[in-house]
Amino acid sequence: MVSGARFRRLWLPFIFFSLFVSPDRVESVGNGALEAQHLHAVKLARAGKHDEGLRILDGLIQDFPDNYPLHRDHILITIWKGDCEDALRHFQRVRSQEHPPYLIVPVSDCLLDQNRPKEAATLVRDGLARHPGDTSLDHALRKTTLVVEAGRPIDENRPAVAFEFLTDESDQGLREWSSRLEGSVRVAEHTRLYVRYSIARSDDAALDAGDFDRAGIGVRYRFSEQLSVDQEFSTDVRDAGKTGAATILVYEPFDSWMFTGQYTTFAEDLPLTARAAGVEGKHGGVAAEYNSRDYIWYGLVSFNRYDFSDTNRRESLFGMIGRTFEVLPYREQTLYGEIYGSHNSLVDAAYFNPGRDRYTGIIHRTNFIFESRYKRHVDSLFLSLGSYWQEDYGSHGKWGVRYEQDYDFTATSHLNLGVAYERNVYDGQREYETRFALRFIKSF
């Protein structure tokens, strides 16, 4: 049996702890120690000892992973250290939190440094919504917006005109001609109104029924740097009743990723022979595109579905991945791999319509960068080689060569033109095709 004296010696510490060191007091003492270490880490960082300060914060964050001030100062010290890449990785852990302007501004600068201007502008806009009138955020928004707008093909605040022209050969060796003229103007903040006129023609008089003249009017609205929508309504000028609507939604959650969804009730890219036979169609598609911020890697995946008026349903899947393996001041080389497959539900159709087909191939692209009096001049040579398989007709080789020239005459004038020669296969028969394309954009 334990004596009274020994009992008192065993329980006195516990009684003392219970009376004078309550759970609330333990938490207070713990928070005090946390605050002292936190302040010491910041003090070291301000003295230029960034790594020492970060080591302390790393240990504290392990013990207190939900403590936002620790994460905030870890990000700031990492930026002071000059390591934007690591700071942005850490920022992703607390991105959904409400951040003070003194954190938002340096983080947006880091995003710009890492070639992520759209993410920077979105972050600053969100900050301004919570801190309206903050001068540091106003300045940061102007800076990030300038970078975003500089990367767009046209100045969205100016009137602009765009012209496209294409001539190639159909699956029957028949030459087709198409063009599109568009004028657009800013009508409100983030809002552009445009009108366009498109035509399509064939050299074969027997296929005149496939020609069209089409006019459209639409609105492009940008909700933010990351989300935009294009809504158009169009009609055939020569044949009444052939109206249509087209919607395109573009979402860029990160500067390296772009997701696109589109749907049109009157597809204008149907085969010439289908249009000549009176076949119309609806088209829907989705795509995901990736461009690494260092421009080394590229990826694209797209799915498309056409519902033809002759009951045919065409579904296709396309994928491409590319890597730039040489980057020199005056030359760049990229190798792409691509794969395509499609399925059509209708056995007999008035146009080329394989039950199933697929293609795998590679493309080698060389960019030649020229010094000229223009803002930018790049020529590109594409060499492609692949294998095409069609149900009931087996596999055949395909190849092609294409040369493009891309000019930015000024910040408001752009021209792209290209010519291609290819060997394709339709129902087991080889056909040689030539193509010429031109695109010109001018802002005023």
Protein backbone atom coordinates (compact mmCIF):
# COMPACT_ATOMS: atom_id res chain seq x y z
CA MET A 1 0.00 0.00 0.00
CA VAL A 2 1.24 3.46 -0.98
CA SER A 3 1.84 5.75 1.99
CA GLY A 4 0.20 9.17 2.17
CA ALA A 5 3.51 10.93 1.71
CA ARG A 6 4.32 8.90 -1.40
CA PHE A 7 0.78 9.48 -2.74
CA ARG A 8 1.29 13.22 -2.38
CA ARG A 9 4.65 13.02 -4.18
CA LEU A 10 3.06 11.14 -7.12
CA TRP A 11 -0.02 13.32 -7.58
CA LEU A 12 1.22 16.81 -6.68
CA PRO A 13 2.74 17.39 -10.17
CA PHE A 14 -0.51 16.29 -11.79
CA ILE A 15 -2.60 18.51 -9.49
CA PHE A 16 -0.27 21.44 -10.19
CA PHE A 17 -0.53 20.84 -13.96
CA SER A 18 -4.34 20.60 -13.75
CA LEU A 19 -4.72 23.78 -11.71
CA PHE A 20 -2.16 26.06 -13.28
CA VAL A 21 -1.51 24.66 -16.78
CA SER A 22 -4.99 24.23 -18.23
CA PRO A 23 -5.49 23.21 -21.86
CA ASP A 24 -6.11 26.86 -22.75
CA ARG A 25 -2.83 27.81 -21.12
CA VAL A 26 -0.98 25.04 -22.96
CA GLU A 27 -2.35 26.37 -26.26
CA SER A 28 -1.35 29.91 -25.26
CA VAL A 29 2.17 28.83 -24.40
CA GLY A 30 2.39 26.85 -27.66
CA ASN A 31 1.15 29.80 -29.71
CA GLY A 32 3.63 32.07 -27.99
CA ALA A 33 6.50 29.77 -28.91
CA LEU A 34 5.16 29.50 -32.47
CA GLU A 35 4.97 33.26 -32.79
CA ALA A 36 8.49 33.69 -31.42
CA GLN A 37 9.96 31.18 -33.89
CA HIS A 38 7.92 32.69 -36.71
CA LEU A 39 9.22 36.18 -35.99
CA HIS A 40 12.77 34.85 -35.66
CA ALA A 41 12.53 33.21 -39.10
CA VAL A 42 11.33 36.47 -40.68
CA LYS A 43 14.08 38.41 -38.90
CA LEU A 44 16.72 36.05 -40.29
CA ALA A 45 15.27 36.40 -43.78
CA ARG A 46 15.26 40.19 -43.56
CA ALA A 47 18.94 39.99 -42.64
CA GLY A 48 19.59 38.08 -45.86
CA LYS A 49 19.68 34.62 -44.26
CA HIS A 50 16.84 33.27 -46.41
CA ASP A 51 17.67 29.58 -46.20
CA GLU A 52 17.90 29.67 -42.40
CA GLY A 53 14.54 31.43 -42.14
CA LEU A 54 12.93 28.98 -44.56
CA ARG A 55 14.23 25.98 -42.64
CA ILE A 56 12.51 27.26 -39.50
CA LEU A 57 9.27 27.90 -41.38
CA ASP A 58 9.39 24.44 -43.00
CA GLY A 59 9.52 22.86 -39.56
CA LEU A 60 6.68 25.01 -38.25
CA ILE A 61 4.51 24.28 -41.30
CA GLN A 62 4.92 20.55 -40.68
CA ASP A 63 3.51 21.04 -37.17
CA PHE A 64 0.92 23.69 -38.16
CA PRO A 65 -0.05 22.94 -41.81
CA ASP A 66 -3.19 25.13 -41.67
CA ASN A 67 -1.45 28.25 -40.40
CA TYR A 68 -1.80 30.72 -43.28
CA PRO A 69 0.71 33.35 -42.00
CA LEU A 70 3.45 30.70 -42.05
CA HIS A 71 2.71 29.87 -45.69
CA ARG A 72 2.40 33.56 -46.59
CA ASP A 73 5.82 34.44 -45.20
CA HIS A 74 7.38 31.28 -46.64
CA ILE A 75 6.26 32.43 -50.11
CA LEU A 76 7.51 35.98 -49.55
CA ILE A 77 10.92 34.86 -48.28
CA THR A 78 11.28 32.46 -51.22
CA ILE A 79 10.57 35.40 -53.55
CA TRP A 80 13.13 37.53 -51.69
CA LYS A 81 15.56 34.68 -52.28
CA GLY A 82 14.89 34.99 -56.01
CA ASP A 83 13.32 31.55 -56.49
CA CYS A 84 10.01 32.33 -58.21
CA GLU A 85 9.48 28.76 -59.38
CA ASP A 86 9.55 27.35 -55.83
CA ALA A 87 7.51 30.26 -54.48
CA LEU A 88 4.74 29.59 -57.01
CA ARG A 89 4.74 25.88 -56.19
CA HIS A 90 4.19 26.75 -52.53
CA PHE A 91 1.57 29.35 -53.45
CA GLN A 92 -0.58 26.64 -55.06
CA ARG A 93 -1.07 25.16 -51.57
CA VAL A 94 -2.88 28.30 -50.37
CA ARG A 95 -4.13 29.73 -53.67
CA SER A 96 -7.80 29.60 -52.58
CA GLN A 97 -7.12 31.74 -49.49
CA GLU A 98 -7.73 35.49 -49.32
CA HIS A 99 -4.34 37.13 -49.78
CA PRO A 100 -3.15 40.60 -48.76
CA PRO A 101 -2.00 43.00 -51.51
CA TYR A 102 1.61 42.84 -50.29
CA LEU A 103 1.61 39.12 -51.21
CA ILE A 104 -0.45 39.36 -54.40
CA VAL A 105 1.85 41.88 -56.06
CA PRO A 106 5.13 39.93 -55.74
CA VAL A 107 3.38 36.67 -56.64
CA SER A 108 1.96 38.31 -59.80
CA ASP A 109 5.48 39.51 -60.65
CA CYS A 110 6.70 35.93 -60.26
CA LEU A 111 3.92 34.70 -62.55
CA LEU A 112 5.05 37.22 -65.16
CA ASP A 113 8.64 36.07 -64.69
CA GLN A 114 7.52 32.49 -65.34
CA ASN A 115 5.60 33.47 -68.51
CA ARG A 116 2.17 33.08 -66.90
CA PRO A 117 0.60 36.52 -67.52
CA LYS A 118 -3.04 35.41 -67.68
CA GLU A 119 -2.80 33.75 -64.28
CA ALA A 120 -1.12 36.90 -62.95
CA ALA A 121 -3.87 39.18 -64.23
CA THR A 122 -6.58 36.89 -62.83
CA LEU A 123 -4.91 36.84 -59.41
CA VAL A 124 -4.65 40.63 -59.32
CA ARG A 125 -8.28 41.10 -60.45
CA ASP A 126 -9.47 38.80 -57.68
CA GLY A 127 -7.39 40.80 -55.22
CA LEU A 128 -8.87 44.09 -56.40
CA ALA A 129 -12.37 42.69 -55.92
CA ARG A 130 -11.54 42.24 -52.22
CA HIS A 131 -9.35 45.36 -51.88
CA PRO A 132 -10.90 47.94 -54.24
CA GLY A 133 -8.83 51.05 -54.79
CA ASP A 134 -5.56 49.56 -53.58
CA THR A 135 -2.90 51.47 -55.54
CA SER A 136 -0.36 48.63 -55.58
CA LEU A 137 -2.95 46.28 -57.08
CA ASP A 138 -4.06 48.92 -59.61
CA HIS A 139 -0.47 49.26 -60.79
CA ALA A 140 -0.01 45.47 -60.91
CA LEU A 141 -3.19 45.08 -62.98
CA ARG A 142 -1.99 47.61 -65.55
CA LYS A 143 1.33 45.81 -65.81
CA THR A 144 -0.12 42.30 -66.15
CA THR A 145 -2.79 43.45 -68.60
CA LEU A 146 -0.18 45.00 -70.89
CA VAL A 147 1.68 41.68 -71.03
CA VAL A 148 -1.51 39.72 -71.74
CA GLU A 149 -2.61 42.06 -74.53
CA ALA A 150 0.85 42.00 -76.11
CA GLY A 151 0.49 38.24 -76.58
CA ARG A 152 -2.83 38.40 -78.44
CA PRO A 153 -2.95 38.31 -82.25
CA ILE A 154 -4.87 41.59 -82.36
CA ASP A 155 -5.35 44.55 -80.06
CA GLU A 156 -8.82 43.91 -78.64
CA ASN A 157 -9.38 47.62 -78.09
CA ARG A 158 -8.97 48.52 -81.79
CA PRO A 159 -11.12 47.93 -84.86
CA ALA A 160 -9.70 45.12 -86.97
CA VAL A 161 -10.16 43.36 -90.30
CA ALA A 162 -9.16 39.77 -91.06
CA PHE A 163 -9.04 38.01 -94.44
CA GLU A 164 -8.52 34.30 -95.06
CA PHE A 165 -8.13 32.47 -98.36
CA LEU A 166 -7.71 28.75 -99.04
CA THR A 167 -7.58 26.61 -102.15
CA ASP A 168 -7.06 22.86 -102.14
CA GLU A 169 -8.31 19.69 -103.79
CA SER A 170 -11.14 17.46 -102.64
CA ASP A 171 -11.08 13.67 -102.35
CA GLN A 172 -11.96 13.50 -106.07
CA GLY A 173 -9.14 15.74 -107.22
CA LEU A 174 -11.49 18.69 -107.64
CA ARG A 175 -10.17 22.10 -106.76
CA GLU A 176 -12.08 24.09 -104.17
CA TRP A 177 -11.80 27.75 -103.25
CA SER A 178 -12.91 29.38 -100.02
CA SER A 179 -12.43 32.75 -98.38
CA ARG A 180 -13.61 34.67 -95.34
CA LEU A 181 -13.63 38.41 -94.66
CA GLU A 182 -14.31 39.68 -91.16
CA GLY A 183 -14.52 43.10 -89.58
CA SER A 184 -14.68 43.58 -85.81
CA VAL A 185 -14.89 46.48 -83.38
CA ARG A 186 -14.91 46.95 -79.62
CA VAL A 187 -18.41 47.93 -78.46
CA ALA A 188 -17.94 47.63 -74.68
CA GLU A 189 -15.36 46.53 -72.16
CA HIS A 190 -14.15 43.02 -73.06
CA THR A 191 -16.76 42.89 -75.85
CA ARG A 192 -16.24 42.84 -79.62
CA LEU A 193 -18.90 42.80 -82.32
CA TYR A 194 -17.98 41.26 -85.67
CA VAL A 195 -19.54 40.65 -89.07
CA ARG A 196 -18.17 38.22 -91.62
CA TYR A 197 -18.80 37.01 -95.17
CA SER A 198 -17.65 33.58 -96.35
CA ILE A 199 -17.75 31.94 -99.76
CA ALA A 200 -16.96 28.48 -101.12
CA ARG A 201 -16.59 27.48 -104.79
CA SER A 202 -15.63 24.48 -106.91
CA ASP A 203 -14.01 24.25 -110.32
CA ASP A 204 -16.53 21.55 -111.34
CA ALA A 205 -19.77 23.06 -112.62
CA ALA A 206 -21.57 19.80 -111.77
CA LEU A 207 -20.94 20.56 -108.10
CA ASP A 208 -22.22 24.14 -108.12
CA ALA A 209 -24.91 23.10 -105.65
CA GLY A 210 -22.12 22.77 -103.10
CA ASP A 211 -21.13 26.43 -103.40
CA PHE A 212 -22.26 28.86 -100.73
CA ASP A 213 -22.21 32.54 -99.80
CA ARG A 214 -22.69 32.95 -96.09
CA ALA A 215 -22.98 36.02 -93.87
CA GLY A 216 -22.74 36.09 -90.12
CA ILE A 217 -22.81 38.44 -87.15
CA GLY A 218 -21.48 37.64 -83.72
CA VAL A 219 -20.15 38.80 -80.38
CA ARG A 220 -16.91 37.84 -78.64
CA TYR A 221 -17.02 38.45 -74.94
CA ARG A 222 -14.15 37.94 -72.52
CA PHE A 223 -15.30 37.26 -68.96
CA SER A 224 -11.68 37.34 -67.80
CA GLU A 225 -8.19 36.63 -69.09
CA GLN A 226 -9.03 32.95 -68.70
CA LEU A 227 -12.59 32.62 -70.02
CA SER A 228 -14.18 33.87 -73.25
CA VAL A 229 -17.15 33.05 -75.46
CA ASP A 230 -17.91 33.59 -79.15
CA GLN A 231 -21.57 33.54 -80.23
CA GLU A 232 -22.47 33.86 -83.91
CA PHE A 233 -25.61 33.70 -86.03
CA SER A 234 -25.34 33.17 -89.78
CA THR A 235 -27.41 32.63 -92.90
CA ASP A 236 -26.89 31.62 -96.50
CA VAL A 237 -27.16 34.63 -98.78
CA ARG A 238 -28.26 32.66 -101.85
CA ASP A 239 -30.52 30.01 -100.30
CA ALA A 240 -33.12 31.20 -97.83
CA GLY A 241 -33.75 29.14 -94.75
CA LYS A 242 -30.22 27.87 -94.23
CA THR A 243 -29.61 29.67 -90.97
CA GLY A 244 -27.29 28.57 -88.22
CA ALA A 245 -25.82 29.40 -84.82
CA ALA A 246 -22.31 28.70 -83.57
CA THR A 247 -20.93 28.88 -80.03
CA ILE A 248 -17.27 28.64 -79.03
CA LEU A 249 -16.17 28.61 -75.39
CA VAL A 250 -12.48 28.97 -74.48
CA TYR A 251 -11.15 28.36 -70.97
CA GLU A 252 -7.50 28.83 -69.99
CA PRO A 253 -7.11 27.91 -66.30
CA PHE A 254 -3.34 28.19 -66.67
CA ASP A 255 -1.22 29.94 -69.27
CA SER A 256 0.05 26.60 -70.54
CA TRP A 257 -3.41 25.00 -70.93
CA MET A 258 -6.35 25.88 -73.15
CA PHE A 259 -9.68 24.01 -73.30
CA THR A 260 -12.12 24.66 -76.13
CA GLY A 261 -15.71 23.59 -76.67
CA GLN A 262 -17.73 24.42 -79.76
CA TYR A 263 -21.07 23.63 -81.36
CA THR A 264 -22.63 24.80 -84.61
CA THR A 265 -26.02 23.97 -86.06
CA PHE A 266 -24.80 24.53 -89.64
CA ALA A 267 -21.34 23.08 -90.28
CA GLU A 268 -19.55 24.88 -93.10
CA ASP A 269 -16.59 22.47 -93.33
CA LEU A 270 -18.51 19.51 -94.81
CA PRO A 271 -17.05 17.80 -97.90
CA LEU A 272 -17.80 19.54 -101.18
CA THR A 273 -19.53 16.45 -102.56
CA ALA A 274 -21.76 16.28 -99.47
CA ARG A 275 -22.90 19.88 -99.87
CA ALA A 276 -23.51 19.32 -103.60
CA ALA A 277 -25.77 16.38 -102.73
CA GLY A 278 -27.82 18.59 -100.44
CA VAL A 279 -26.39 17.15 -97.23
CA GLU A 280 -26.09 19.47 -94.26
CA GLY A 281 -24.78 18.81 -90.78
CA LYS A 282 -24.31 19.85 -87.18
CA HIS A 283 -20.88 19.83 -85.56
CA GLY A 284 -19.73 19.67 -81.95
CA GLY A 285 -16.22 19.33 -80.62
CA VAL A 286 -13.95 19.67 -77.60
CA ALA A 287 -10.19 20.10 -77.44
CA ALA A 288 -7.40 20.42 -74.88
CA GLU A 289 -4.13 22.08 -75.87
CA TYR A 290 -0.88 22.33 -73.94
CA ASN A 291 2.08 24.64 -74.55
CA SER A 292 4.90 24.48 -72.03
CA ARG A 293 5.98 27.91 -70.84
CA ASP A 294 9.47 27.32 -72.21
CA TYR A 295 7.96 26.44 -75.62
CA ILE A 296 9.63 23.01 -75.61
CA TRP A 297 6.59 20.72 -75.28
CA TYR A 298 3.32 20.84 -77.16
CA GLY A 299 0.24 18.62 -76.90
CA LEU A 300 -3.24 18.53 -78.40
CA VAL A 301 -6.21 16.19 -78.03
CA SER A 302 -9.52 16.81 -79.80
CA PHE A 303 -12.81 15.00 -80.27
CA ASN A 304 -15.30 15.94 -83.00
CA ARG A 305 -18.75 14.72 -83.92
CA TYR A 306 -20.78 15.50 -87.02
CA ASP A 307 -24.47 14.70 -87.39
CA PHE A 308 -25.26 14.75 -91.12
CA SER A 309 -28.76 15.28 -92.46
CA ASP A 310 -28.50 11.93 -94.33
CA THR A 311 -28.48 10.19 -90.89
CA ASN A 312 -24.70 9.65 -90.91
CA ARG A 313 -22.86 10.23 -87.65
CA ARG A 314 -19.12 10.81 -87.83
CA GLU A 315 -16.96 10.72 -84.72
CA SER A 316 -13.23 11.34 -84.77
CA LEU A 317 -10.39 11.55 -82.28
CA PHE A 318 -7.08 13.31 -82.89
CA GLY A 319 -3.95 13.52 -80.78
CA MET A 320 -0.58 15.19 -81.21
CA ILE A 321 2.52 15.60 -79.09
CA GLY A 322 5.60 17.58 -80.01
CA ARG A 323 9.00 18.46 -78.59
CA THR A 324 11.39 21.17 -79.69
CA PHE A 325 14.86 19.65 -79.60
CA GLU A 326 16.89 22.54 -81.02
CA VAL A 327 16.55 26.20 -80.12
CA LEU A 328 19.07 28.49 -81.76
CA PRO A 329 18.91 32.25 -82.42
CA TYR A 330 18.03 31.70 -86.08
CA ARG A 331 16.66 28.15 -86.19
CA GLU A 332 14.33 25.92 -84.20
CA GLN A 333 13.50 22.26 -84.82
CA THR A 334 10.48 20.37 -83.50
CA LEU A 335 9.35 16.78 -83.93
CA TYR A 336 5.65 15.87 -83.65
CA GLY A 337 3.86 12.57 -83.43
CA GLU A 338 0.18 12.42 -84.38
CA ILE A 339 -2.63 9.89 -84.44
CA TYR A 340 -6.14 10.10 -85.87
CA GLY A 341 -9.12 7.77 -86.05
CA SER A 342 -12.73 8.11 -87.17
CA HIS A 343 -15.95 6.14 -87.45
CA ASN A 344 -18.97 6.73 -89.70
CA SER A 345 -22.34 5.13 -89.08
CA LEU A 346 -23.65 5.29 -92.69
CA VAL A 347 -22.39 2.61 -95.10
CA ASP A 348 -23.17 4.29 -98.43
CA ALA A 349 -22.90 8.05 -98.75
CA ALA A 350 -22.52 10.56 -101.57
CA TYR A 351 -19.13 11.63 -100.19
CA PHE A 352 -15.93 9.98 -98.94
CA ASN A 353 -17.14 8.18 -95.85
CA PRO A 354 -15.01 5.25 -94.59
CA GLY A 355 -16.63 2.99 -92.02
CA ARG A 356 -13.46 3.18 -89.97
CA ASP A 357 -10.04 4.65 -90.62
CA ARG A 358 -6.95 5.73 -88.74
CA TYR A 359 -3.66 7.49 -89.34
CA THR A 360 -0.35 7.59 -87.49
CA GLY A 361 2.53 9.78 -88.54
CA ILE A 362 5.39 12.08 -87.67
CA ILE A 363 6.06 15.69 -88.62
CA HIS A 364 9.39 17.46 -88.59
CA ARG A 365 9.17 21.23 -88.39
CA THR A 366 12.03 23.67 -88.86
CA ASN A 367 11.55 27.35 -88.06
CA PHE A 368 13.89 29.84 -89.71
CA ILE A 369 14.01 33.17 -87.83
CA PHE A 370 15.13 36.13 -89.92
CA GLU A 371 16.44 39.52 -88.99
CA SER A 372 14.52 42.00 -91.12
CA ARG A 373 12.95 45.41 -91.04
CA TYR A 374 9.75 43.78 -89.82
CA LYS A 375 8.86 43.20 -86.21
CA ARG A 376 9.00 39.45 -86.80
CA HIS A 377 9.68 37.17 -89.77
CA VAL A 378 9.63 33.38 -89.42
CA ASP A 379 9.55 30.75 -92.17
CA SER A 380 8.57 27.16 -91.36
CA LEU A 381 9.24 23.94 -93.27
CA PHE A 382 7.05 20.91 -92.44
CA LEU A 383 7.91 17.37 -93.58
CA SER A 384 5.35 14.66 -92.77
CA LEU A 385 5.34 10.89 -93.20
CA GLY A 386 2.77 8.38 -92.01
CA SER A 387 0.57 5.37 -92.55
CA TYR A 388 -3.15 5.54 -93.32
CA TRP A 389 -5.46 2.57 -92.80
CA GLN A 390 -9.03 2.38 -94.13
CA GLU A 391 -11.49 -0.41 -93.49
CA ASP A 392 -11.70 -2.76 -96.51
CA TYR A 393 -8.74 -1.06 -98.23
CA GLY A 394 -5.78 -1.80 -95.94
CA SER A 395 -2.83 0.46 -95.16
CA HIS A 396 -1.02 2.89 -97.43
CA GLY A 397 1.74 5.42 -96.98
CA LYS A 398 1.12 9.16 -96.94
CA TRP A 399 3.57 12.04 -97.03
CA GLY A 400 3.56 15.78 -97.43
CA VAL A 401 5.69 18.91 -97.52
CA ARG A 402 4.53 22.38 -96.50
CA TYR A 403 6.24 25.75 -96.38
CA GLU A 404 4.86 28.74 -94.46
CA GLN A 405 5.90 32.35 -94.02
CA ASP A 406 4.80 34.33 -90.99
CA TYR A 407 5.24 38.11 -90.89
CA ASP A 408 4.47 40.61 -88.16
CA PHE A 409 4.99 43.73 -90.23
CA THR A 410 4.12 45.88 -87.23
CA ALA A 411 2.39 45.35 -83.90
CA THR A 412 -0.95 45.70 -85.75
CA SER A 413 -0.33 43.96 -89.11
CA HIS A 414 0.12 40.19 -89.47
CA LEU A 415 0.42 37.97 -92.55
CA ASN A 416 0.68 34.20 -92.79
CA LEU A 417 0.85 32.32 -96.08
CA GLY A 418 1.74 28.76 -96.97
CA VAL A 419 1.85 26.21 -99.78
CA ALA A 420 1.69 22.42 -99.43
CA TYR A 421 2.02 19.34 -101.63
CA GLU A 422 0.75 16.01 -100.29
CA ARG A 423 0.03 12.45 -101.25
CA ASN A 424 -3.23 11.21 -99.75
CA VAL A 425 -5.24 8.01 -100.14
CA TYR A 426 -9.01 7.66 -100.67
CA ASP A 427 -10.60 4.20 -101.01
CA GLY A 428 -7.17 2.77 -101.70
CA GLN A 429 -6.44 5.23 -104.50
CA ARG A 430 -3.50 7.64 -104.27
CA GLU A 431 -4.13 11.28 -105.01
CA TYR A 432 -1.66 14.15 -105.13
CA GLU A 433 -2.94 17.44 -103.80
CA THR A 434 -1.69 21.00 -103.66
CA ARG A 435 -2.88 23.61 -101.19
CA PHE A 436 -2.37 27.33 -100.78
CA ALA A 437 -3.50 29.33 -97.73
CA LEU A 438 -3.30 32.98 -96.72
CA ARG A 439 -4.35 34.89 -93.61
CA PHE A 440 -4.02 38.62 -93.03
CA ILE A 441 -5.00 40.63 -89.92
CA LYS A 442 -4.90 44.40 -89.60
CA SER A 443 -5.82 46.48 -86.56
CA PHE A 444 -6.52 50.21 -86.83
